[in-house]
Amino acid sequence: MSLAKIQGSVRSFWKDERGITGLETAIILIAFVVVAAVFAFAILNAGLGATSNAEDAISTAQTETQSTLAPRGDSILVARGAGPAFADVESVAFKLAPSPGAKAISLADAITLVQYSDESTAAETIQLGGGAGACIQTATSLWLTGSGDVVDKGEIVEITVTLAAGCLVVNEEWKIEVFPRDGAIVSVQGRTPVELSKNMNV
């Protein structure tokens, strides 16, 4: 074969581009597959994260629901002094017990907070069994049934908040909240009568 024929064959070989289109198509297809795989992984990862967050939220809500105290009976207000005219309230007492199906809840002094507020007093918080504030003089707990720092099923604990003179007067709205370490906040509220007596159920 002459050199001219060999050169002609080589030139025709390099000019033959029949496989190029198929190769380009394969490269584009592979690129689409890779991009789709990356997006699918990102979406699945985000979905798994959202599912995990939802499970955590549900678990936390269940824990809060199972660790709930509820007021039992009326709140007892005791007026200061011997009368016959009483100017203010000396103490507020109320009873707490676990809600139906609730787990044991700790009301230990070191980990429980009590907050008081009324129409003229901003929220004031002290530790249960702790020192006095501007309005709250003392906040104590007494187990009426059972004993210890944990309120178990069937037990009732009485919280008594003693107030400074002039803090809670006639015809005034008040609210006391108990903050256990675990579980929901317990809120007890009411309004004092327009005329105070020594002992009042509200």
N, C-alpha and C. Protein backbone atom coordinates (compact mmCIF):
# COMPACT_ATOMS: atom_id res chain seq x y z
N MET A 1 0.87 -1.19 0.00
CA MET A 1 0.00 0.00 0.00
C MET A 1 0.90 1.23 0.00
N SER A 2 0.57 2.15 -0.87
CA SER A 2 1.40 3.34 -0.98
C SER A 2 1.17 4.28 0.19
N LEU A 3 2.13 5.15 0.36
CA LEU A 3 2.03 6.12 1.46
C LEU A 3 0.81 7.01 1.31
N ALA A 4 0.48 7.37 0.09
CA ALA A 4 -0.69 8.23 -0.15
C ALA A 4 -1.98 7.55 0.31
N LYS A 5 -2.09 6.24 0.03
CA LYS A 5 -3.29 5.51 0.45
C LYS A 5 -3.39 5.41 1.97
N ILE A 6 -2.21 5.18 2.60
CA ILE A 6 -2.21 5.10 4.09
C ILE A 6 -2.64 6.43 4.68
N GLN A 7 -2.11 7.52 4.16
CA GLN A 7 -2.48 8.84 4.67
C GLN A 7 -3.97 9.11 4.45
N GLY A 8 -4.48 8.66 3.31
CA GLY A 8 -5.91 8.84 3.04
C GLY A 8 -6.77 8.05 4.01
N SER A 9 -6.35 6.82 4.34
CA SER A 9 -7.10 6.00 5.30
C SER A 9 -7.10 6.64 6.69
N VAL A 10 -5.93 7.17 7.09
CA VAL A 10 -5.83 7.82 8.42
C VAL A 10 -6.73 9.04 8.48
N ARG A 11 -6.71 9.84 7.36
CA ARG A 11 -7.55 11.04 7.36
C ARG A 11 -9.04 10.67 7.46
N SER A 12 -9.45 9.67 6.74
CA SER A 12 -10.86 9.26 6.79
C SER A 12 -11.23 8.72 8.17
N PHE A 13 -10.25 8.07 8.85
CA PHE A 13 -10.52 7.55 10.20
C PHE A 13 -10.77 8.69 11.19
N TRP A 14 -9.93 9.72 11.12
CA TRP A 14 -10.09 10.84 12.05
C TRP A 14 -11.33 11.65 11.74
N LYS A 15 -11.78 11.62 10.50
CA LYS A 15 -12.98 12.40 10.15
C LYS A 15 -14.27 11.66 10.49
N ASP A 16 -14.15 10.39 10.80
CA ASP A 16 -15.35 9.61 11.13
C ASP A 16 -15.79 9.93 12.55
N GLU A 17 -16.91 10.65 12.76
CA GLU A 17 -17.39 11.11 14.08
C GLU A 17 -18.71 10.46 14.45
N ARG A 18 -18.94 9.27 13.94
CA ARG A 18 -20.23 8.61 14.20
C ARG A 18 -20.42 8.27 15.68
N GLY A 19 -19.35 8.00 16.45
CA GLY A 19 -19.50 7.65 17.86
C GLY A 19 -19.54 8.83 18.81
N ILE A 20 -19.23 10.03 18.29
CA ILE A 20 -19.15 11.20 19.17
C ILE A 20 -20.51 11.55 19.77
N THR A 21 -21.56 11.51 18.95
CA THR A 21 -22.90 11.87 19.45
C THR A 21 -23.34 10.95 20.56
N GLY A 22 -23.11 9.67 20.39
CA GLY A 22 -23.47 8.71 21.43
C GLY A 22 -22.69 8.94 22.71
N LEU A 23 -21.42 9.26 22.59
CA LEU A 23 -20.58 9.52 23.76
C LEU A 23 -21.04 10.77 24.51
N GLU A 24 -21.35 11.82 23.77
CA GLU A 24 -21.84 13.05 24.40
C GLU A 24 -23.15 12.80 25.12
N THR A 25 -24.02 12.04 24.48
CA THR A 25 -25.30 11.72 25.12
C THR A 25 -25.10 10.95 26.41
N ALA A 26 -24.16 10.00 26.40
CA ALA A 26 -23.88 9.21 27.61
C ALA A 26 -23.34 10.09 28.72
N ILE A 27 -22.45 11.03 28.38
CA ILE A 27 -21.88 11.94 29.39
C ILE A 27 -22.98 12.80 30.00
N ILE A 28 -23.85 13.35 29.15
CA ILE A 28 -24.96 14.19 29.65
C ILE A 28 -25.89 13.37 30.55
N LEU A 29 -26.18 12.14 30.14
CA LEU A 29 -27.05 11.27 30.93
C LEU A 29 -26.44 10.99 32.30
N ILE A 30 -25.13 10.69 32.30
CA ILE A 30 -24.45 10.42 33.58
C ILE A 30 -24.49 11.67 34.47
N ALA A 31 -24.28 12.85 33.87
CA ALA A 31 -24.33 14.10 34.65
C ALA A 31 -25.71 14.30 35.27
N PHE A 32 -26.77 14.05 34.49
CA PHE A 32 -28.13 14.16 35.03
C PHE A 32 -28.35 13.18 36.18
N VAL A 33 -27.87 11.96 36.03
CA VAL A 33 -28.05 10.95 37.08
C VAL A 33 -27.34 11.37 38.35
N VAL A 34 -26.10 11.88 38.21
CA VAL A 34 -25.34 12.31 39.39
C VAL A 34 -26.03 13.47 40.09
N VAL A 35 -26.47 14.47 39.32
CA VAL A 35 -27.16 15.62 39.91
C VAL A 35 -28.45 15.18 40.60
N ALA A 36 -29.20 14.31 39.94
CA ALA A 36 -30.44 13.81 40.54
C ALA A 36 -30.16 13.06 41.84
N ALA A 37 -29.09 12.26 41.85
CA ALA A 37 -28.73 11.52 43.07
C ALA A 37 -28.38 12.47 44.20
N VAL A 38 -27.63 13.55 43.88
CA VAL A 38 -27.26 14.53 44.91
C VAL A 38 -28.50 15.20 45.47
N PHE A 39 -29.41 15.63 44.58
CA PHE A 39 -30.65 16.28 45.05
C PHE A 39 -31.50 15.31 45.86
N ALA A 40 -31.57 14.06 45.42
CA ALA A 40 -32.36 13.07 46.16
C ALA A 40 -31.78 12.85 47.55
N PHE A 41 -30.45 12.79 47.66
CA PHE A 41 -29.82 12.62 48.96
C PHE A 41 -30.11 13.81 49.86
N ALA A 42 -30.01 15.02 49.28
CA ALA A 42 -30.28 16.22 50.08
C ALA A 42 -31.72 16.24 50.58
N ILE A 43 -32.65 15.89 49.72
CA ILE A 43 -34.07 15.90 50.11
C ILE A 43 -34.34 14.84 51.17
N LEU A 44 -33.78 13.64 50.96
CA LEU A 44 -33.97 12.58 51.96
C LEU A 44 -33.36 12.96 53.28
N ASN A 45 -32.19 13.58 53.25
CA ASN A 45 -31.53 13.99 54.49
C ASN A 45 -32.35 15.03 55.22
N ALA A 46 -32.90 16.01 54.47
CA ALA A 46 -33.76 17.02 55.09
C ALA A 46 -35.02 16.39 55.66
N GLY A 47 -35.57 15.42 54.94
CA GLY A 47 -36.77 14.74 55.43
C GLY A 47 -36.50 13.97 56.71
N LEU A 48 -35.37 13.29 56.76
CA LEU A 48 -35.01 12.55 57.98
C LEU A 48 -34.79 13.50 59.15
N GLY A 49 -34.17 14.66 58.87
CA GLY A 49 -33.97 15.64 59.94
C GLY A 49 -35.28 16.18 60.46
N ALA A 50 -36.21 16.48 59.53
CA ALA A 50 -37.52 16.98 59.95
C ALA A 50 -38.27 15.93 60.76
N THR A 51 -38.17 14.67 60.34
CA THR A 51 -38.83 13.58 61.08
C THR A 51 -38.27 13.45 62.48
N SER A 52 -36.93 13.56 62.59
CA SER A 52 -36.30 13.48 63.90
C SER A 52 -36.75 14.62 64.80
N ASN A 53 -36.82 15.84 64.24
CA ASN A 53 -37.28 16.99 65.03
C ASN A 53 -38.72 16.81 65.47
N ALA A 54 -39.56 16.28 64.57
CA ALA A 54 -40.96 16.05 64.92
C ALA A 54 -41.07 15.01 66.03
N GLU A 55 -40.26 13.96 65.96
CA GLU A 55 -40.29 12.94 67.01
C GLU A 55 -39.86 13.53 68.35
N ASP A 56 -38.82 14.39 68.32
CA ASP A 56 -38.37 15.03 69.56
C ASP A 56 -39.47 15.92 70.14
N ALA A 57 -40.16 16.67 69.26
CA ALA A 57 -41.23 17.54 69.74
C ALA A 57 -42.37 16.74 70.35
N ILE A 58 -42.74 15.63 69.70
CA ILE A 58 -43.82 14.79 70.22
C ILE A 58 -43.42 14.18 71.55
N SER A 59 -42.18 13.72 71.64
CA SER A 59 -41.69 13.12 72.89
C SER A 59 -41.70 14.13 74.02
N THR A 60 -41.25 15.37 73.71
CA THR A 60 -41.24 16.42 74.73
C THR A 60 -42.65 16.76 75.17
N ALA A 61 -43.57 16.84 74.21
CA ALA A 61 -44.97 17.14 74.55
C ALA A 61 -45.58 16.05 75.42
N GLN A 62 -45.27 14.80 75.11
CA GLN A 62 -45.78 13.70 75.92
C GLN A 62 -45.22 13.76 77.34
N THR A 63 -43.93 14.10 77.45
CA THR A 63 -43.31 14.21 78.77
C THR A 63 -43.97 15.32 79.57
N GLU A 64 -44.23 16.47 78.91
CA GLU A 64 -44.88 17.58 79.59
C GLU A 64 -46.29 17.19 80.04
N THR A 65 -47.00 16.48 79.17
CA THR A 65 -48.36 16.07 79.50
C THR A 65 -48.38 15.09 80.66
N GLN A 66 -47.41 14.19 80.68
CA GLN A 66 -47.35 13.18 81.73
C GLN A 66 -46.78 13.73 83.03
N SER A 67 -46.27 14.96 83.02
CA SER A 67 -45.68 15.55 84.21
C SER A 67 -46.41 16.85 84.53
N THR A 68 -47.70 16.72 84.80
CA THR A 68 -48.53 17.91 85.02
C THR A 68 -49.23 17.83 86.37
N LEU A 69 -49.11 18.92 87.12
CA LEU A 69 -49.87 19.08 88.35
C LEU A 69 -51.10 19.93 88.06
N ALA A 70 -52.15 19.72 88.82
CA ALA A 70 -53.39 20.49 88.63
C ALA A 70 -53.91 20.94 89.99
N PRO A 71 -54.50 22.14 90.04
CA PRO A 71 -55.09 22.61 91.30
C PRO A 71 -56.24 21.70 91.75
N ARG A 72 -56.37 21.56 93.03
CA ARG A 72 -57.46 20.77 93.63
C ARG A 72 -58.19 21.63 94.64
N GLY A 73 -59.48 21.87 94.38
CA GLY A 73 -60.28 22.65 95.31
C GLY A 73 -60.07 24.14 95.15
N ASP A 74 -60.58 24.90 96.12
CA ASP A 74 -60.51 26.36 96.09
C ASP A 74 -59.17 26.86 96.60
N SER A 75 -58.89 28.10 96.28
CA SER A 75 -57.76 28.80 96.89
C SER A 75 -58.26 29.46 98.17
N ILE A 76 -57.43 29.43 99.20
CA ILE A 76 -57.79 29.99 100.49
C ILE A 76 -56.99 31.26 100.72
N LEU A 77 -57.70 32.38 100.86
CA LEU A 77 -57.06 33.66 101.17
C LEU A 77 -57.30 33.99 102.63
N VAL A 78 -56.24 34.39 103.32
CA VAL A 78 -56.35 34.77 104.73
C VAL A 78 -55.98 36.25 104.84
N ALA A 79 -56.88 37.04 105.43
CA ALA A 79 -56.65 38.47 105.56
C ALA A 79 -55.73 38.76 106.75
N ARG A 80 -55.03 39.88 106.67
CA ARG A 80 -54.10 40.27 107.74
C ARG A 80 -54.85 41.00 108.84
N GLY A 81 -54.47 40.70 110.08
CA GLY A 81 -55.05 41.40 111.23
C GLY A 81 -56.27 40.69 111.79
N ALA A 82 -56.90 41.36 112.77
CA ALA A 82 -58.03 40.77 113.47
C ALA A 82 -59.37 41.38 113.09
N GLY A 83 -59.36 42.38 112.25
CA GLY A 83 -60.62 42.98 111.82
C GLY A 83 -61.10 44.04 112.80
N PRO A 84 -62.33 44.51 112.69
CA PRO A 84 -63.35 44.03 111.76
C PRO A 84 -63.12 44.42 110.30
N ALA A 85 -62.31 45.45 110.03
CA ALA A 85 -62.05 45.85 108.64
C ALA A 85 -60.65 45.36 108.26
N PHE A 86 -60.60 44.56 107.19
CA PHE A 86 -59.32 44.03 106.72
C PHE A 86 -58.89 44.78 105.47
N ALA A 87 -57.64 45.21 105.44
CA ALA A 87 -57.17 46.03 104.33
C ALA A 87 -56.50 45.22 103.22
N ASP A 88 -55.87 44.11 103.59
CA ASP A 88 -55.13 43.36 102.58
C ASP A 88 -55.09 41.88 102.93
N VAL A 89 -54.52 41.10 102.01
CA VAL A 89 -54.42 39.64 102.16
C VAL A 89 -53.03 39.30 102.67
N GLU A 90 -52.99 38.45 103.67
CA GLU A 90 -51.71 38.04 104.25
C GLU A 90 -51.13 36.81 103.56
N SER A 91 -51.99 35.86 103.18
CA SER A 91 -51.47 34.63 102.56
C SER A 91 -52.49 34.03 101.59
N VAL A 92 -51.96 33.30 100.61
CA VAL A 92 -52.78 32.57 99.65
C VAL A 92 -52.31 31.12 99.68
N ALA A 93 -53.26 30.19 99.86
CA ALA A 93 -52.93 28.77 99.90
C ALA A 93 -53.78 28.02 98.89
N PHE A 94 -53.17 27.05 98.22
CA PHE A 94 -53.90 26.22 97.27
C PHE A 94 -53.28 24.84 97.24
N LYS A 95 -54.07 23.87 96.78
CA LYS A 95 -53.63 22.47 96.77
C LYS A 95 -53.34 22.02 95.35
N LEU A 96 -52.30 21.19 95.20
CA LEU A 96 -51.92 20.63 93.90
C LEU A 96 -51.85 19.11 94.00
N ALA A 97 -52.23 18.46 92.91
CA ALA A 97 -52.15 17.00 92.82
C ALA A 97 -51.83 16.63 91.38
N PRO A 98 -51.26 15.44 91.15
CA PRO A 98 -50.95 15.04 89.77
C PRO A 98 -52.23 14.89 88.95
N SER A 99 -52.14 15.27 87.68
CA SER A 99 -53.26 15.05 86.78
C SER A 99 -53.45 13.55 86.55
N PRO A 100 -54.66 13.13 86.12
CA PRO A 100 -54.88 11.70 85.85
C PRO A 100 -53.87 11.17 84.84
N GLY A 101 -53.22 10.08 85.18
CA GLY A 101 -52.25 9.47 84.29
C GLY A 101 -50.88 10.10 84.33
N ALA A 102 -50.69 11.13 85.17
CA ALA A 102 -49.40 11.80 85.23
C ALA A 102 -48.40 11.00 86.04
N LYS A 103 -47.13 11.22 85.75
CA LYS A 103 -46.06 10.58 86.49
C LYS A 103 -45.74 11.40 87.73
N ALA A 104 -44.86 10.85 88.58
CA ALA A 104 -44.44 11.57 89.78
C ALA A 104 -43.69 12.85 89.39
N ILE A 105 -43.94 13.92 90.14
CA ILE A 105 -43.35 15.23 89.85
C ILE A 105 -42.68 15.76 91.10
N SER A 106 -41.44 16.20 90.95
CA SER A 106 -40.69 16.72 92.09
C SER A 106 -41.04 18.18 92.35
N LEU A 107 -41.31 18.50 93.62
CA LEU A 107 -41.51 19.88 94.05
C LEU A 107 -40.49 20.22 95.14
N ALA A 108 -39.29 19.70 95.00
CA ALA A 108 -38.24 19.98 95.96
C ALA A 108 -37.94 21.48 95.97
N ASP A 109 -37.66 22.01 97.14
CA ASP A 109 -37.44 23.46 97.27
C ASP A 109 -36.35 23.98 96.34
N ALA A 110 -35.26 23.23 96.19
CA ALA A 110 -34.11 23.72 95.44
C ALA A 110 -34.35 23.83 93.94
N ILE A 111 -35.37 23.16 93.43
CA ILE A 111 -35.59 23.12 91.98
C ILE A 111 -36.96 23.63 91.57
N THR A 112 -37.71 24.24 92.50
CA THR A 112 -39.07 24.71 92.20
C THR A 112 -39.14 26.22 92.42
N LEU A 113 -39.76 26.91 91.47
CA LEU A 113 -39.91 28.37 91.56
C LEU A 113 -41.38 28.72 91.73
N VAL A 114 -41.63 29.83 92.44
CA VAL A 114 -42.98 30.35 92.63
C VAL A 114 -42.99 31.80 92.17
N GLN A 115 -43.96 32.15 91.32
CA GLN A 115 -44.05 33.51 90.79
C GLN A 115 -45.39 34.12 91.16
N TYR A 116 -45.36 35.37 91.64
CA TYR A 116 -46.57 36.08 92.04
C TYR A 116 -46.70 37.37 91.24
N SER A 117 -47.93 37.71 90.87
CA SER A 117 -48.18 39.00 90.21
C SER A 117 -49.62 39.42 90.51
N ASP A 118 -49.85 40.73 90.48
CA ASP A 118 -51.20 41.27 90.60
C ASP A 118 -51.28 42.54 89.77
N GLU A 119 -52.34 43.29 89.93
CA GLU A 119 -52.56 44.46 89.07
C GLU A 119 -51.52 45.55 89.27
N SER A 120 -50.91 45.59 90.44
CA SER A 120 -49.92 46.64 90.71
C SER A 120 -48.51 46.09 90.92
N THR A 121 -48.35 44.78 90.83
CA THR A 121 -47.04 44.14 91.06
C THR A 121 -46.64 43.35 89.83
N ALA A 122 -45.48 43.67 89.29
CA ALA A 122 -44.97 42.88 88.18
C ALA A 122 -44.59 41.49 88.68
N ALA A 123 -44.39 40.57 87.75
CA ALA A 123 -44.08 39.19 88.12
C ALA A 123 -42.85 39.14 89.02
N GLU A 124 -43.03 38.55 90.19
CA GLU A 124 -41.96 38.41 91.18
C GLU A 124 -41.75 36.93 91.45
N THR A 125 -40.53 36.46 91.33
CA THR A 125 -40.24 35.04 91.42
C THR A 125 -39.24 34.76 92.53
N ILE A 126 -39.54 33.75 93.35
CA ILE A 126 -38.59 33.29 94.35
C ILE A 126 -38.55 31.77 94.30
N GLN A 127 -37.55 31.21 94.93
CA GLN A 127 -37.43 29.76 95.03
C GLN A 127 -38.34 29.26 96.13
N LEU A 128 -38.99 28.13 95.91
CA LEU A 128 -39.86 27.56 96.93
C LEU A 128 -39.04 27.29 98.18
N GLY A 129 -39.51 27.81 99.31
CA GLY A 129 -38.78 27.66 100.56
C GLY A 129 -37.61 28.61 100.70
N GLY A 130 -37.46 29.55 99.72
CA GLY A 130 -36.31 30.44 99.72
C GLY A 130 -36.60 31.77 100.38
N GLY A 131 -35.71 32.75 100.09
CA GLY A 131 -35.80 34.06 100.71
C GLY A 131 -36.94 34.90 100.19
N ALA A 132 -37.12 36.06 100.85
CA ALA A 132 -38.26 36.92 100.57
C ALA A 132 -37.98 37.85 99.40
N GLY A 133 -39.05 38.30 98.76
CA GLY A 133 -38.97 39.31 97.73
C GLY A 133 -39.71 40.56 98.18
N ALA A 134 -40.02 41.44 97.25
CA ALA A 134 -40.72 42.66 97.62
C ALA A 134 -42.13 42.37 98.11
N CYS A 135 -42.84 41.45 97.44
CA CYS A 135 -44.20 41.08 97.86
C CYS A 135 -44.24 39.70 98.51
N ILE A 136 -43.57 38.74 97.91
CA ILE A 136 -43.59 37.40 98.47
C ILE A 136 -42.65 37.34 99.67
N GLN A 137 -43.22 37.08 100.84
CA GLN A 137 -42.40 36.92 102.04
C GLN A 137 -41.87 35.48 102.16
N THR A 138 -42.77 34.52 101.98
CA THR A 138 -42.37 33.11 102.00
C THR A 138 -43.24 32.34 101.01
N ALA A 139 -42.72 31.22 100.55
CA ALA A 139 -43.48 30.28 99.73
C ALA A 139 -43.09 28.89 100.20
N THR A 140 -44.05 28.18 100.79
CA THR A 140 -43.76 26.89 101.40
C THR A 140 -44.68 25.82 100.86
N SER A 141 -44.26 24.56 101.03
CA SER A 141 -45.06 23.42 100.61
C SER A 141 -45.30 22.50 101.79
N LEU A 142 -46.50 21.90 101.83
CA LEU A 142 -46.86 20.98 102.90
C LEU A 142 -47.60 19.80 102.27
N TRP A 143 -47.08 18.58 102.48
CA TRP A 143 -47.73 17.39 101.95
C TRP A 143 -48.91 17.03 102.85
N LEU A 144 -50.13 17.14 102.30
CA LEU A 144 -51.32 16.78 103.06
C LEU A 144 -51.54 15.28 103.05
N THR A 145 -51.20 14.64 101.94
CA THR A 145 -51.19 13.18 101.86
C THR A 145 -49.85 12.77 101.27
N GLY A 146 -49.23 11.76 101.85
CA GLY A 146 -47.92 11.36 101.39
C GLY A 146 -46.83 12.19 102.05
N SER A 147 -45.61 12.03 101.57
CA SER A 147 -44.48 12.76 102.14
C SER A 147 -43.35 12.82 101.12
N GLY A 148 -42.35 13.61 101.43
CA GLY A 148 -41.19 13.71 100.56
C GLY A 148 -41.28 14.90 99.62
N ASP A 149 -40.30 15.00 98.71
CA ASP A 149 -40.25 16.11 97.77
C ASP A 149 -40.97 15.81 96.46
N VAL A 150 -41.40 14.57 96.26
CA VAL A 150 -42.02 14.16 94.99
C VAL A 150 -43.52 13.96 95.20
N VAL A 151 -44.30 14.55 94.31
CA VAL A 151 -45.76 14.39 94.37
C VAL A 151 -46.11 13.16 93.54
N ASP A 152 -46.39 12.06 94.23
CA ASP A 152 -46.75 10.81 93.55
C ASP A 152 -48.26 10.76 93.31
N LYS A 153 -48.64 9.75 92.55
CA LYS A 153 -50.07 9.55 92.27
C LYS A 153 -50.83 9.38 93.59
N GLY A 154 -51.93 10.13 93.73
CA GLY A 154 -52.76 10.05 94.93
C GLY A 154 -52.34 11.00 96.04
N GLU A 155 -51.21 11.68 95.88
CA GLU A 155 -50.77 12.62 96.90
C GLU A 155 -51.25 14.03 96.61
N ILE A 156 -51.39 14.83 97.66
CA ILE A 156 -51.81 16.22 97.54
C ILE A 156 -50.84 17.07 98.35
N VAL A 157 -50.38 18.15 97.74
CA VAL A 157 -49.47 19.08 98.42
C VAL A 157 -50.11 20.46 98.44
N GLU A 158 -49.94 21.16 99.56
CA GLU A 158 -50.50 22.50 99.70
C GLU A 158 -49.36 23.52 99.61
N ILE A 159 -49.53 24.50 98.73
CA ILE A 159 -48.56 25.59 98.58
C ILE A 159 -49.15 26.82 99.26
N THR A 160 -48.37 27.42 100.14
CA THR A 160 -48.80 28.64 100.84
C THR A 160 -47.83 29.76 100.53
N VAL A 161 -48.37 30.87 100.02
CA VAL A 161 -47.56 32.05 99.69
C VAL A 161 -47.98 33.16 100.65
N THR A 162 -47.02 33.62 101.45
CA THR A 162 -47.27 34.72 102.39
C THR A 162 -46.81 36.02 101.75
N LEU A 163 -47.68 37.04 101.81
CA LEU A 163 -47.43 38.31 101.12
C LEU A 163 -47.14 39.43 102.11
N ALA A 164 -46.40 40.42 101.64
CA ALA A 164 -46.10 41.59 102.45
C ALA A 164 -47.35 42.47 102.56
N ALA A 165 -47.37 43.31 103.58
CA ALA A 165 -48.52 44.18 103.82
C ALA A 165 -48.71 45.13 102.63
N GLY A 166 -49.96 45.26 102.21
CA GLY A 166 -50.32 46.18 101.15
C GLY A 166 -50.15 45.66 99.74
N CYS A 167 -49.69 44.43 99.56
CA CYS A 167 -49.47 43.91 98.21
C CYS A 167 -50.78 43.50 97.52
N LEU A 168 -51.59 42.73 98.21
CA LEU A 168 -52.84 42.24 97.61
C LEU A 168 -54.00 42.81 98.41
N VAL A 169 -54.75 43.71 97.79
CA VAL A 169 -55.82 44.43 98.49
C VAL A 169 -57.17 44.01 97.92
N VAL A 170 -58.21 44.72 98.33
CA VAL A 170 -59.58 44.37 97.92
C VAL A 170 -59.76 44.56 96.41
N ASN A 171 -60.63 43.71 95.86
CA ASN A 171 -61.04 43.80 94.45
C ASN A 171 -59.84 43.92 93.50
N GLU A 172 -58.92 43.00 93.65
CA GLU A 172 -57.70 43.04 92.83
C GLU A 172 -57.43 41.64 92.27
N GLU A 173 -57.11 41.57 90.98
CA GLU A 173 -56.76 40.29 90.37
C GLU A 173 -55.34 39.89 90.76
N TRP A 174 -55.15 38.58 90.97
CA TRP A 174 -53.83 38.07 91.34
C TRP A 174 -53.59 36.74 90.62
N LYS A 175 -52.32 36.39 90.52
CA LYS A 175 -51.96 35.12 89.90
C LYS A 175 -50.69 34.59 90.53
N ILE A 176 -50.69 33.30 90.83
CA ILE A 176 -49.51 32.61 91.35
C ILE A 176 -49.22 31.43 90.43
N GLU A 177 -47.97 31.32 90.00
CA GLU A 177 -47.56 30.23 89.13
C GLU A 177 -46.45 29.43 89.81
N VAL A 178 -46.55 28.11 89.69
CA VAL A 178 -45.55 27.21 90.23
C VAL A 178 -44.80 26.58 89.06
N PHE A 179 -43.47 26.67 89.11
CA PHE A 179 -42.61 26.17 88.04
C PHE A 179 -41.82 24.95 88.54
N PRO A 180 -42.33 23.74 88.32
CA PRO A 180 -41.51 22.56 88.66
C PRO A 180 -40.32 22.45 87.71
N ARG A 181 -39.31 21.69 88.10
CA ARG A 181 -38.17 21.51 87.19
C ARG A 181 -38.60 20.77 85.93
N ASP A 182 -39.45 19.75 86.09
CA ASP A 182 -39.98 18.99 84.96
C ASP A 182 -41.49 19.13 84.95
N GLY A 183 -42.03 19.25 83.75
CA GLY A 183 -43.48 19.32 83.65
C GLY A 183 -43.99 20.72 83.38
N ALA A 184 -45.30 20.80 83.25
CA ALA A 184 -45.93 22.07 82.88
C ALA A 184 -46.03 23.01 84.07
N ILE A 185 -46.13 24.30 83.75
CA ILE A 185 -46.31 25.33 84.78
C ILE A 185 -47.75 25.26 85.28
N VAL A 186 -47.92 25.38 86.60
CA VAL A 186 -49.25 25.37 87.20
C VAL A 186 -49.63 26.80 87.56
N SER A 187 -50.79 27.24 87.10
CA SER A 187 -51.24 28.60 87.33
C SER A 187 -52.51 28.60 88.16
N VAL A 188 -52.50 29.42 89.22
CA VAL A 188 -53.69 29.61 90.07
C VAL A 188 -53.95 31.11 90.13
N GLN A 189 -55.19 31.51 89.86
CA GLN A 189 -55.47 32.94 89.83
C GLN A 189 -56.88 33.22 90.30
N GLY A 190 -57.16 34.50 90.57
CA GLY A 190 -58.48 34.88 91.02
C GLY A 190 -58.54 36.37 91.28
N ARG A 191 -59.62 36.81 91.90
CA ARG A 191 -59.80 38.21 92.27
C ARG A 191 -60.26 38.26 93.72
N THR A 192 -59.69 39.17 94.46
CA THR A 192 -60.10 39.31 95.86
C THR A 192 -61.49 39.93 95.94
N PRO A 193 -62.25 39.61 96.98
CA PRO A 193 -63.60 40.20 97.13
C PRO A 193 -63.51 41.72 97.35
N VAL A 194 -64.65 42.37 97.15
CA VAL A 194 -64.70 43.82 97.38
C VAL A 194 -64.66 44.13 98.88
N GLU A 195 -64.94 43.13 99.70
CA GLU A 195 -64.82 43.28 101.16
C GLU A 195 -64.16 42.02 101.71
N LEU A 196 -63.06 42.19 102.40
CA LEU A 196 -62.29 41.06 102.88
C LEU A 196 -62.82 40.55 104.21
N SER A 197 -62.74 39.24 104.39
CA SER A 197 -62.98 38.61 105.68
C SER A 197 -61.73 37.84 106.06
N LYS A 198 -61.76 37.28 107.25
CA LYS A 198 -60.53 36.62 107.74
C LYS A 198 -60.10 35.47 106.83
N ASN A 199 -61.04 34.60 106.50
CA ASN A 199 -60.76 33.44 105.63
C ASN A 199 -61.71 33.48 104.44
N MET A 200 -61.15 33.35 103.25
CA MET A 200 -61.97 33.45 102.04
C MET A 200 -61.62 32.34 101.08
N ASN A 201 -62.67 31.72 100.50
CA ASN A 201 -62.49 30.71 99.44
C ASN A 201 -62.77 31.38 98.10
N VAL A 202 -61.82 31.30 97.18
CA VAL A 202 -62.03 31.92 95.86
C VAL A 202 -61.70 30.89 94.78
